[in-house]
Amino acid sequence: MLSRHSYKKSRLLHNKFKKRDFLIKKFKNPYFLKDRMPRRTRAPRLKLALGVLSLLGIVIIFLIHPYFLINKIEIDGAQTISEEFVKNLAEKVMSKKRFLFFNGHNIFLVDLNKIKEEIKNKIVLENLDVNSKSQRSLQIKISEKSPKLILQSNLINASSTIANFFSLDSEGKIITEANKSDNLTLPVIIFEKNPPNFSLNNQIISQATIEFIYFLNKNIDKVNNVNISHFLVDGINERVINVQTDEGWKIILDRQNDWQKQVQVLNLLLQEKIKKERKSIKYIDVRYENRSYYQ
């Protein structure tokens, strides 16, 4: 039998361990509450999804809304080139879809590099700038190359000869198609033999030949009222230049011989030997230093 003292001691120990077990059973770690985990993770994911969808919606509005479509093209710097022609080139690019779906006129999607490329493929320019900084407007700034010569290309068909004209720059490259009537003060050249390929930006004549033609155009006009119609060039051998006069006869010159001396010889021949029979001759050859020919 237990004494009263032993019994009390046993009860105290029992109650102590029972309370300790009760505390252990009731203790819960909040980090492992399964029923609360979804509540803590769903809200951020939902907010992120809503944010992405909202941003995507705003972007789509900017890309498809008609308000953001270019409705005006401004051309600055055009002198001899048709503004309408340049606008049509830009419209050709913008009329195509961007990324298979979006409108090519969209201010944010317009392909500026493609527009530049299209213009450069059709026109040779000194400078070209294309931008869409202003709202709903496309600005195209061009700086034209100054034409130095007019090339006349004679196309012969079954019934007639069709003359096409091109502008050449100081390097002898074709700038664009031209009208002879628009450049009456510029020298005209025709390839009498071996014509090259008349394509845009193709150099068809050397700079040395251009300088020689300019010298002749300036100085021969002063010799006894000789009016130049055009210059005849050989596409392979540019050394010899034939000058066609309005009277129908030619002057044959050599680019690699003394320019000034050849003009002086021509002057003497016209003044002293063939002054009265100019209209009946076929040519005057002044290429050689100590002798000249005419027929």
C-alpha atoms as a PDB file:
ATOM      1  CA  MET A   1       0.000   0.000   0.000  1.00  0.00           C
ATOM      2  CA  LEU A   2       1.093   3.460  -0.828  1.00  0.00           C
ATOM      3  CA  SER A   3       1.453   5.957   1.876  1.00  0.00           C
ATOM      4  CA  ARG A   4      -0.358   9.234   1.628  1.00  0.00           C
ATOM      5  CA  HIS A   5       2.870  11.003   0.866  1.00  0.00           C
ATOM      6  CA  SER A   6       3.784   8.602  -1.934  1.00  0.00           C
ATOM      7  CA  TYR A   7       0.336   8.851  -3.460  1.00  0.00           C
ATOM      8  CA  LYS A   8       0.464  12.649  -3.630  1.00  0.00           C
ATOM      9  CA  LYS A   9       3.887  12.515  -5.208  1.00  0.00           C
ATOM     10  CA  SER A  10       2.671  10.055  -7.833  1.00  0.00           C
ATOM     11  CA  ARG A  11      -0.332  12.254  -8.704  1.00  0.00           C
ATOM     12  CA  LEU A  12       1.865  15.312  -9.106  1.00  0.00           C
ATOM     13  CA  LEU A  13       4.167  13.495 -11.521  1.00  0.00           C
ATOM     14  CA  HIS A  14       1.198  12.180 -13.473  1.00  0.00           C
ATOM     15  CA  ASN A  15      -0.358  15.628 -13.808  1.00  0.00           C
ATOM     16  CA  LYS A  16       2.996  17.130 -14.817  1.00  0.00           C
ATOM     17  CA  PHE A  17       3.564  14.680 -17.670  1.00  0.00           C
ATOM     18  CA  LYS A  18      -0.076  14.882 -18.709  1.00  0.00           C
ATOM     19  CA  LYS A  19       0.167  18.686 -19.028  1.00  0.00           C
ATOM     20  CA  ARG A  20       3.407  18.363 -20.934  1.00  0.00           C
ATOM     21  CA  ASP A  21       1.816  15.872 -23.359  1.00  0.00           C
ATOM     22  CA  PHE A  22      -1.147  18.163 -23.783  1.00  0.00           C
ATOM     23  CA  LEU A  23       1.074  21.069 -24.758  1.00  0.00           C
ATOM     24  CA  ILE A  24       2.999  18.928 -27.256  1.00  0.00           C
ATOM     25  CA  LYS A  25      -0.160  17.626 -28.894  1.00  0.00           C
ATOM     26  CA  LYS A  26      -1.640  21.081 -29.261  1.00  0.00           C
ATOM     27  CA  PHE A  27       1.539  22.742 -30.688  1.00  0.00           C
ATOM     28  CA  LYS A  28       1.290  23.524 -34.409  1.00  0.00           C
ATOM     29  CA  ASN A  29       3.935  24.983 -36.783  1.00  0.00           C
ATOM     30  CA  PRO A  30       2.262  27.698 -38.914  1.00  0.00           C
ATOM     31  CA  TYR A  31       4.695  27.025 -41.775  1.00  0.00           C
ATOM     32  CA  PHE A  32       3.249  23.550 -42.261  1.00  0.00           C
ATOM     33  CA  LEU A  33      -0.434  24.377 -42.295  1.00  0.00           C
ATOM     34  CA  LYS A  34      -1.642  22.838 -45.535  1.00  0.00           C
ATOM     35  CA  ASP A  35      -5.018  24.483 -45.472  1.00  0.00           C
ATOM     36  CA  ARG A  36      -3.418  27.927 -45.368  1.00  0.00           C
ATOM     37  CA  MET A  37      -0.754  27.476 -48.110  1.00  0.00           C
ATOM     38  CA  PRO A  38      -3.033  28.056 -51.141  1.00  0.00           C
ATOM     39  CA  ARG A  39      -4.301  31.275 -49.637  1.00  0.00           C
ATOM     40  CA  ARG A  40      -0.766  32.620 -49.390  1.00  0.00           C
ATOM     41  CA  THR A  41       0.335  31.638 -52.971  1.00  0.00           C
ATOM     42  CA  ARG A  42      -2.771  32.224 -55.108  1.00  0.00           C
ATOM     43  CA  ALA A  43      -3.033  35.974 -54.544  1.00  0.00           C
ATOM     44  CA  PRO A  44       0.427  36.958 -55.953  1.00  0.00           C
ATOM     45  CA  ARG A  45       0.001  34.656 -58.939  1.00  0.00           C
ATOM     46  CA  LEU A  46      -3.409  36.098 -59.683  1.00  0.00           C
ATOM     47  CA  LYS A  47      -2.116  39.657 -59.428  1.00  0.00           C
ATOM     48  CA  LEU A  48       0.800  38.830 -61.737  1.00  0.00           C
ATOM     49  CA  ALA A  49      -1.506  37.265 -64.317  1.00  0.00           C
ATOM     50  CA  LEU A  50      -3.853  40.250 -64.221  1.00  0.00           C
ATOM     51  CA  GLY A  51      -0.902  42.611 -64.602  1.00  0.00           C
ATOM     52  CA  VAL A  52       0.454  40.729 -67.619  1.00  0.00           C
ATOM     53  CA  LEU A  53      -2.967  40.627 -69.268  1.00  0.00           C
ATOM     54  CA  SER A  54      -3.487  44.338 -68.650  1.00  0.00           C
ATOM     55  CA  LEU A  55      -0.099  45.198 -70.112  1.00  0.00           C
ATOM     56  CA  LEU A  56      -0.716  42.946 -73.100  1.00  0.00           C
ATOM     57  CA  GLY A  57      -4.079  44.584 -73.676  1.00  0.00           C
ATOM     58  CA  ILE A  58      -2.530  48.058 -73.641  1.00  0.00           C
ATOM     59  CA  VAL A  59       0.165  46.986 -76.112  1.00  0.00           C
ATOM     60  CA  ILE A  60      -2.422  45.471 -78.462  1.00  0.00           C
ATOM     61  CA  ILE A  61      -4.470  48.665 -78.342  1.00  0.00           C
ATOM     62  CA  PHE A  62      -1.401  50.679 -79.366  1.00  0.00           C
ATOM     63  CA  LEU A  63      -0.715  48.265 -82.224  1.00  0.00           C
ATOM     64  CA  ILE A  64      -4.195  47.885 -83.709  1.00  0.00           C
ATOM     65  CA  HIS A  65      -6.096  51.065 -82.902  1.00  0.00           C
ATOM     66  CA  PRO A  66      -6.663  53.282 -85.993  1.00  0.00           C
ATOM     67  CA  TYR A  67      -5.581  56.352 -84.044  1.00  0.00           C
ATOM     68  CA  PHE A  68      -1.967  55.190 -84.213  1.00  0.00           C
ATOM     69  CA  LEU A  69      -1.888  54.713 -88.000  1.00  0.00           C
ATOM     70  CA  ILE A  70       0.207  57.038 -90.188  1.00  0.00           C
ATOM     71  CA  ASN A  71      -2.112  59.124 -92.327  1.00  0.00           C
ATOM     72  CA  LYS A  72       0.310  61.730 -93.687  1.00  0.00           C
ATOM     73  CA  ILE A  73       3.635  61.588 -95.537  1.00  0.00           C
ATOM     74  CA  GLU A  74       5.758  64.744 -95.696  1.00  0.00           C
ATOM     75  CA  ILE A  75       8.568  65.129 -98.263  1.00  0.00           C
ATOM     76  CA  ASP A  76      11.264  67.731 -97.658  1.00  0.00           C
ATOM     77  CA  GLY A  77      14.104  68.667-100.018  1.00  0.00           C
ATOM     78  CA  ALA A  78      12.711  67.424-103.341  1.00  0.00           C
ATOM     79  CA  GLN A  79      13.703  69.672-106.242  1.00  0.00           C
ATOM     80  CA  THR A  80      13.705  67.717-109.470  1.00  0.00           C
ATOM     81  CA  ILE A  81      12.348  64.467-108.035  1.00  0.00           C
ATOM     82  CA  SER A  82       8.581  64.043-107.897  1.00  0.00           C
ATOM     83  CA  GLU A  83       7.241  64.113-104.329  1.00  0.00           C
ATOM     84  CA  GLU A  84       4.373  61.885-105.418  1.00  0.00           C
ATOM     85  CA  PHE A  85       6.864  59.293-106.664  1.00  0.00           C
ATOM     86  CA  VAL A  86       8.628  59.221-103.280  1.00  0.00           C
ATOM     87  CA  LYS A  87       5.296  58.967-101.424  1.00  0.00           C
ATOM     88  CA  ASN A  88       4.248  56.020-103.574  1.00  0.00           C
ATOM     89  CA  LEU A  89       7.479  54.206-102.713  1.00  0.00           C
ATOM     90  CA  ALA A  90       6.808  54.678 -98.988  1.00  0.00           C
ATOM     91  CA  GLU A  91       3.178  53.591 -99.358  1.00  0.00           C
ATOM     92  CA  LYS A  92       4.295  50.469-101.185  1.00  0.00           C
ATOM     93  CA  VAL A  93       6.234  49.375 -98.100  1.00  0.00           C
ATOM     94  CA  MET A  94       3.602  50.389 -95.529  1.00  0.00           C
ATOM     95  CA  SER A  95       0.809  48.616 -97.398  1.00  0.00           C
ATOM     96  CA  LYS A  96       2.338  45.267 -96.432  1.00  0.00           C
ATOM     97  CA  LYS A  97       1.494  43.569 -93.119  1.00  0.00           C
ATOM     98  CA  ARG A  98       3.991  43.635 -90.278  1.00  0.00           C
ATOM     99  CA  PHE A  99       4.613  40.313 -88.519  1.00  0.00           C
ATOM    100  CA  LEU A 100       1.887  38.701 -90.659  1.00  0.00           C
ATOM    101  CA  PHE A 101      -0.926  40.463 -88.831  1.00  0.00           C
ATOM    102  CA  PHE A 102      -0.363  44.118 -87.901  1.00  0.00           C
ATOM    103  CA  ASN A 103      -0.948  47.133 -90.119  1.00  0.00           C
ATOM    104  CA  GLY A 104       2.230  48.426 -91.768  1.00  0.00           C
ATOM    105  CA  HIS A 105       1.034  52.016 -91.247  1.00  0.00           C
ATOM    106  CA  ASN A 106       1.236  51.687 -87.456  1.00  0.00           C
ATOM    107  CA  ILE A 107       3.432  54.440 -86.046  1.00  0.00           C
ATOM    108  CA  PHE A 108       5.236  51.961 -83.758  1.00  0.00           C
ATOM    109  CA  LEU A 109       5.692  49.188 -86.337  1.00  0.00           C
ATOM    110  CA  VAL A 110       6.415  51.100 -89.554  1.00  0.00           C
ATOM    111  CA  ASP A 111       9.532  49.649 -91.198  1.00  0.00           C
ATOM    112  CA  LEU A 112      11.702  52.744 -91.676  1.00  0.00           C
ATOM    113  CA  ASN A 113      14.722  50.790 -92.902  1.00  0.00           C
ATOM    114  CA  LYS A 114      12.631  49.061 -95.564  1.00  0.00           C
ATOM    115  CA  ILE A 115      11.291  52.420 -96.757  1.00  0.00           C
ATOM    116  CA  LYS A 116      14.852  53.755 -97.035  1.00  0.00           C
ATOM    117  CA  GLU A 117      15.905  50.679 -98.978  1.00  0.00           C
ATOM    118  CA  GLU A 118      12.961  51.001-101.378  1.00  0.00           C
ATOM    119  CA  ILE A 119      13.717  54.677-102.079  1.00  0.00           C
ATOM    120  CA  LYS A 120      17.443  54.051-102.573  1.00  0.00           C
ATOM    121  CA  ASN A 121      16.666  51.281-105.051  1.00  0.00           C
ATOM    122  CA  LYS A 122      14.769  53.769-107.225  1.00  0.00           C
ATOM    123  CA  ILE A 123      16.557  57.084-106.667  1.00  0.00           C
ATOM    124  CA  VAL A 124      20.220  57.946-106.108  1.00  0.00           C
ATOM    125  CA  LEU A 125      20.418  60.605-103.384  1.00  0.00           C
ATOM    126  CA  GLU A 126      23.116  62.510-101.550  1.00  0.00           C
ATOM    127  CA  ASN A 127      21.367  62.014 -98.190  1.00  0.00           C
ATOM    128  CA  LEU A 128      18.156  60.342 -97.030  1.00  0.00           C
ATOM    129  CA  ASP A 129      16.450  60.470 -93.622  1.00  0.00           C
ATOM    130  CA  VAL A 130      13.152  58.768 -92.756  1.00  0.00           C
ATOM    131  CA  ASN A 131      11.485  59.061 -89.348  1.00  0.00           C
ATOM    132  CA  SER A 132       8.072  58.876 -87.701  1.00  0.00           C
ATOM    133  CA  LYS A 133       8.651  60.997 -84.615  1.00  0.00           C
ATOM    134  CA  SER A 134       5.640  63.226 -85.137  1.00  0.00           C
ATOM    135  CA  GLN A 135       2.276  61.731 -84.288  1.00  0.00           C
ATOM    136  CA  ARG A 136       0.608  59.939 -87.243  1.00  0.00           C
ATOM    137  CA  SER A 137       3.062  61.490 -89.702  1.00  0.00           C
ATOM    138  CA  LEU A 138       6.014  60.114 -91.683  1.00  0.00           C
ATOM    139  CA  GLN A 139       8.799  62.572 -92.546  1.00  0.00           C
ATOM    140  CA  ILE A 140      11.117  61.883 -95.479  1.00  0.00           C
ATOM    141  CA  LYS A 141      14.025  64.298 -95.911  1.00  0.00           C
ATOM    142  CA  ILE A 142      16.046  63.969 -99.098  1.00  0.00           C
ATOM    143  CA  SER A 143      19.085  65.715-100.497  1.00  0.00           C
ATOM    144  CA  GLU A 144      19.382  65.292-104.242  1.00  0.00           C
ATOM    145  CA  LYS A 145      22.598  64.819-106.140  1.00  0.00           C
ATOM    146  CA  SER A 146      23.261  67.598-108.609  1.00  0.00           C
ATOM    147  CA  PRO A 147      23.087  66.361-112.227  1.00  0.00           C
ATOM    148  CA  LYS A 148      26.193  67.090-114.285  1.00  0.00           C
ATOM    149  CA  LEU A 149      25.344  65.400-117.583  1.00  0.00           C
ATOM    150  CA  ILE A 150      22.336  64.163-119.490  1.00  0.00           C
ATOM    151  CA  LEU A 151      22.571  60.703-121.028  1.00  0.00           C
ATOM    152  CA  GLN A 152      20.480  60.082-124.112  1.00  0.00           C
ATOM    153  CA  SER A 153      19.706  56.436-124.781  1.00  0.00           C
ATOM    154  CA  ASN A 154      18.270  55.732-128.220  1.00  0.00           C
ATOM    155  CA  LEU A 155      16.050  52.644-128.301  1.00  0.00           C
ATOM    156  CA  ILE A 156      15.389  51.483-131.831  1.00  0.00           C
ATOM    157  CA  ASN A 157      12.266  49.464-132.526  1.00  0.00           C
ATOM    158  CA  ALA A 158      10.616  48.309-135.738  1.00  0.00           C
ATOM    159  CA  SER A 159       9.044  51.646-136.587  1.00  0.00           C
ATOM    160  CA  SER A 160      10.993  54.407-134.841  1.00  0.00           C
ATOM    161  CA  THR A 161      13.734  55.443-132.442  1.00  0.00           C
ATOM    162  CA  ILE A 162      12.699  56.244-128.883  1.00  0.00           C
ATOM    163  CA  ALA A 163      14.951  58.556-126.866  1.00  0.00           C
ATOM    164  CA  ASN A 164      15.216  58.049-123.114  1.00  0.00           C
ATOM    165  CA  PHE A 165      17.085  60.497-120.919  1.00  0.00           C
ATOM    166  CA  PHE A 166      18.950  59.972-117.636  1.00  0.00           C
ATOM    167  CA  SER A 167      20.725  62.331-115.240  1.00  0.00           C
ATOM    168  CA  LEU A 168      24.354  61.606-114.345  1.00  0.00           C
ATOM    169  CA  ASP A 169      26.191  62.858-111.263  1.00  0.00           C
ATOM    170  CA  SER A 170      29.800  64.070-111.025  1.00  0.00           C
ATOM    171  CA  GLU A 171      31.022  60.461-110.745  1.00  0.00           C
ATOM    172  CA  GLY A 172      29.306  59.406-113.967  1.00  0.00           C
ATOM    173  CA  LYS A 173      26.607  57.394-112.186  1.00  0.00           C
ATOM    174  CA  ILE A 174      22.987  57.347-113.319  1.00  0.00           C
ATOM    175  CA  ILE A 175      20.882  59.272-110.798  1.00  0.00           C
ATOM    176  CA  THR A 176      17.405  58.982-112.245  1.00  0.00           C
ATOM    177  CA  GLU A 177      15.372  59.338-115.401  1.00  0.00           C
ATOM    178  CA  ALA A 178      15.200  62.888-116.718  1.00  0.00           C
ATOM    179  CA  ASN A 179      13.686  65.171-119.307  1.00  0.00           C
ATOM    180  CA  LYS A 180      16.051  66.865-121.694  1.00  0.00           C
ATOM    181  CA  SER A 181      13.874  69.975-121.654  1.00  0.00           C
ATOM    182  CA  ASP A 182      14.412  70.304-117.879  1.00  0.00           C
ATOM    183  CA  ASN A 183      18.213  70.467-118.206  1.00  0.00           C
ATOM    184  CA  LEU A 184      18.886  72.497-121.329  1.00  0.00           C
ATOM    185  CA  THR A 185      22.171  73.881-119.976  1.00  0.00           C
ATOM    186  CA  LEU A 186      23.760  70.483-119.278  1.00  0.00           C
ATOM    187  CA  PRO A 187      25.912  68.643-121.829  1.00  0.00           C
ATOM    188  CA  VAL A 188      24.246  65.651-123.498  1.00  0.00           C
ATOM    189  CA  ILE A 189      26.166  62.443-124.190  1.00  0.00           C
ATOM    190  CA  ILE A 190      25.245  59.528-126.442  1.00  0.00           C
ATOM    191  CA  PHE A 191      27.083  56.220-126.577  1.00  0.00           C
ATOM    192  CA  GLU A 192      27.923  55.832-130.241  1.00  0.00           C
ATOM    193  CA  LYS A 193      29.551  52.425-129.688  1.00  0.00           C
ATOM    194  CA  ASN A 194      29.528  49.733-127.017  1.00  0.00           C
ATOM    195  CA  PRO A 195      26.855  51.194-124.726  1.00  0.00           C
ATOM    196  CA  PRO A 196      27.042  50.010-121.096  1.00  0.00           C
ATOM    197  CA  ASN A 197      24.184  48.848-118.911  1.00  0.00           C
ATOM    198  CA  PHE A 198      21.921  51.817-118.213  1.00  0.00           C
ATOM    199  CA  SER A 199      20.838  50.934-114.677  1.00  0.00           C
ATOM    200  CA  LEU A 200      20.387  53.095-111.616  1.00  0.00           C
ATOM    201  CA  ASN A 201      23.592  54.001-109.735  1.00  0.00           C
ATOM    202  CA  ASN A 202      25.726  52.357-112.408  1.00  0.00           C
ATOM    203  CA  GLN A 203      28.857  54.307-113.361  1.00  0.00           C
ATOM    204  CA  ILE A 204      28.800  54.498-117.140  1.00  0.00           C
ATOM    205  CA  ILE A 205      31.476  57.127-117.746  1.00  0.00           C
ATOM    206  CA  SER A 206      34.692  58.102-115.948  1.00  0.00           C
ATOM    207  CA  GLN A 207      35.237  61.330-114.042  1.00  0.00           C
ATOM    208  CA  ALA A 208      38.158  62.198-116.333  1.00  0.00           C
ATOM    209  CA  THR A 209      35.855  62.029-119.363  1.00  0.00           C
ATOM    210  CA  ILE A 210      33.281  64.199-117.599  1.00  0.00           C
ATOM    211  CA  GLU A 211      35.930  66.855-116.922  1.00  0.00           C
ATOM    212  CA  PHE A 212      37.021  66.739-120.565  1.00  0.00           C
ATOM    213  CA  ILE A 213      33.432  67.112-121.780  1.00  0.00           C
ATOM    214  CA  TYR A 214      32.897  70.091-119.484  1.00  0.00           C
ATOM    215  CA  PHE A 215      36.065  71.718-120.793  1.00  0.00           C
ATOM    216  CA  LEU A 216      34.969  71.221-124.405  1.00  0.00           C
ATOM    217  CA  ASN A 217      31.441  72.398-123.706  1.00  0.00           C
ATOM    218  CA  LYS A 218      32.790  75.610-122.199  1.00  0.00           C
ATOM    219  CA  ASN A 219      35.526  76.387-124.727  1.00  0.00           C
ATOM    220  CA  ILE A 220      34.297  75.106-128.094  1.00  0.00           C
ATOM    221  CA  ASP A 221      31.170  77.210-127.861  1.00  0.00           C
ATOM    222  CA  LYS A 222      33.415  80.265-127.934  1.00  0.00           C
ATOM    223  CA  VAL A 223      35.174  79.203-131.124  1.00  0.00           C
ATOM    224  CA  ASN A 224      33.588  80.790-134.183  1.00  0.00           C
ATOM    225  CA  ASN A 225      30.014  80.301-132.990  1.00  0.00           C
ATOM    226  CA  VAL A 226      30.174  76.520-132.981  1.00  0.00           C
ATOM    227  CA  ASN A 227      27.034  75.172-131.338  1.00  0.00           C
ATOM    228  CA  ILE A 228      27.317  71.740-129.750  1.00  0.00           C
ATOM    229  CA  SER A 229      24.424  69.330-130.121  1.00  0.00           C
ATOM    230  CA  HIS A 230      25.836  66.443-128.056  1.00  0.00           C
ATOM    231  CA  PHE A 231      28.943  64.410-127.293  1.00  0.00           C
ATOM    232  CA  LEU A 232      29.505  60.932-128.752  1.00  0.00           C
ATOM    233  CA  VAL A 233      31.309  58.417-126.540  1.00  0.00           C
ATOM    234  CA  ASP A 234      32.626  54.890-127.005  1.00  0.00           C
ATOM    235  CA  GLY A 235      31.682  52.682-124.064  1.00  0.00           C
ATOM    236  CA  ILE A 236      34.998  50.808-124.221  1.00  0.00           C
ATOM    237  CA  ASN A 237      37.443  53.493-125.344  1.00  0.00           C
ATOM    238  CA  GLU A 238      36.645  56.844-123.721  1.00  0.00           C
ATOM    239  CA  ARG A 239      39.872  58.401-124.906  1.00  0.00           C
ATOM    240  CA  VAL A 240      38.389  59.636-128.194  1.00  0.00           C
ATOM    241  CA  ILE A 241      35.440  62.031-127.913  1.00  0.00           C
ATOM    242  CA  ASN A 242      33.377  63.142-130.898  1.00  0.00           C
ATOM    243  CA  VAL A 243      31.577  66.455-130.641  1.00  0.00           C
ATOM    244  CA  GLN A 244      28.448  66.629-132.786  1.00  0.00           C
ATOM    245  CA  THR A 245      27.598  70.174-133.928  1.00  0.00           C
ATOM    246  CA  ASP A 246      24.208  71.600-134.813  1.00  0.00           C
ATOM    247  CA  GLU A 247      25.475  72.023-138.389  1.00  0.00           C
ATOM    248  CA  GLY A 248      25.855  68.256-138.760  1.00  0.00           C
ATOM    249  CA  TRP A 249      29.652  67.830-138.720  1.00  0.00           C
ATOM    250  CA  LYS A 250      31.829  66.363-135.969  1.00  0.00           C
ATOM    251  CA  ILE A 251      34.955  67.384-134.102  1.00  0.00           C
ATOM    252  CA  ILE A 252      37.242  64.492-133.130  1.00  0.00           C
ATOM    253  CA  LEU A 253      39.391  65.035-130.026  1.00  0.00           C
ATOM    254  CA  ASP A 254      41.683  63.023-127.752  1.00  0.00           C
ATOM    255  CA  ARG A 255      41.246  63.238-123.998  1.00  0.00           C
ATOM    256  CA  GLN A 256      44.856  62.257-123.332  1.00  0.00           C
ATOM    257  CA  ASN A 257      46.387  64.978-125.494  1.00  0.00           C
ATOM    258  CA  ASP A 258      46.675  68.685-124.727  1.00  0.00           C
ATOM    259  CA  TRP A 259      43.093  69.941-124.353  1.00  0.00           C
ATOM    260  CA  GLN A 260      43.806  73.615-124.873  1.00  0.00           C
ATOM    261  CA  LYS A 261      45.997  73.050-127.908  1.00  0.00           C
ATOM    262  CA  GLN A 262      43.358  70.953-129.666  1.00  0.00           C
ATOM    263  CA  VAL A 263      40.826  73.760-129.248  1.00  0.00           C
ATOM    264  CA  GLN A 264      43.357  76.285-130.583  1.00  0.00           C
ATOM    265  CA  VAL A 265      43.963  74.149-133.685  1.00  0.00           C
ATOM    266  CA  LEU A 266      40.210  73.907-134.228  1.00  0.00           C
ATOM    267  CA  ASN A 267      39.951  77.676-133.960  1.00  0.00           C
ATOM    268  CA  LEU A 268      42.665  78.228-136.572  1.00  0.00           C
ATOM    269  CA  LEU A 269      41.096  75.760-138.997  1.00  0.00           C
ATOM    270  CA  LEU A 270      37.689  77.373-138.764  1.00  0.00           C
ATOM    271  CA  GLN A 271      39.076  80.869-139.157  1.00  0.00           C
ATOM    272  CA  GLU A 272      41.631  80.301-141.918  1.00  0.00           C
ATOM    273  CA  LYS A 273      40.961  77.143-143.945  1.00  0.00           C
ATOM    274  CA  ILE A 274      37.333  76.116-143.778  1.00  0.00           C
ATOM    275  CA  LYS A 275      35.624  79.339-142.866  1.00  0.00           C
ATOM    276  CA  LYS A 276      33.260  79.304-145.848  1.00  0.00           C
ATOM    277  CA  GLU A 277      32.706  75.570-146.227  1.00  0.00           C
ATOM    278  CA  ARG A 278      31.817  74.601-142.670  1.00  0.00           C
ATOM    279  CA  LYS A 279      28.379  73.277-143.492  1.00  0.00           C
ATOM    280  CA  SER A 280      29.674  70.970-146.209  1.00  0.00           C
ATOM    281  CA  ILE A 281      32.342  69.167-144.176  1.00  0.00           C
ATOM    282  CA  LYS A 282      31.825  65.863-142.339  1.00  0.00           C
ATOM    283  CA  TYR A 283      34.414  66.084-139.591  1.00  0.00           C
ATOM    284  CA  ILE A 284      37.468  67.906-138.237  1.00  0.00           C
ATOM    285  CA  ASP A 285      40.137  65.796-136.549  1.00  0.00           C
ATOM    286  CA  VAL A 286      42.414  67.754-134.186  1.00  0.00           C
ATOM    287  CA  ARG A 287      43.800  64.861-132.127  1.00  0.00           C
ATOM    288  CA  TYR A 288      47.357  65.041-133.416  1.00  0.00           C
ATOM    289  CA  GLU A 289      49.866  67.635-132.332  1.00  0.00           C
ATOM    290  CA  ASN A 290      51.487  68.558-135.652  1.00  0.00           C
ATOM    291  CA  ARG A 291      48.716  67.851-138.100  1.00  0.00           C
ATOM    292  CA  SER A 292      44.957  68.031-138.418  1.00  0.00           C
ATOM    293  CA  TYR A 293      42.426  66.627-140.833  1.00  0.00           C
ATOM    294  CA  TYR A 294      39.038  67.595-142.136  1.00  0.00           C
ATOM    295  CA  GLN A 295      36.764  66.254-144.814  1.00  0.00           C
END
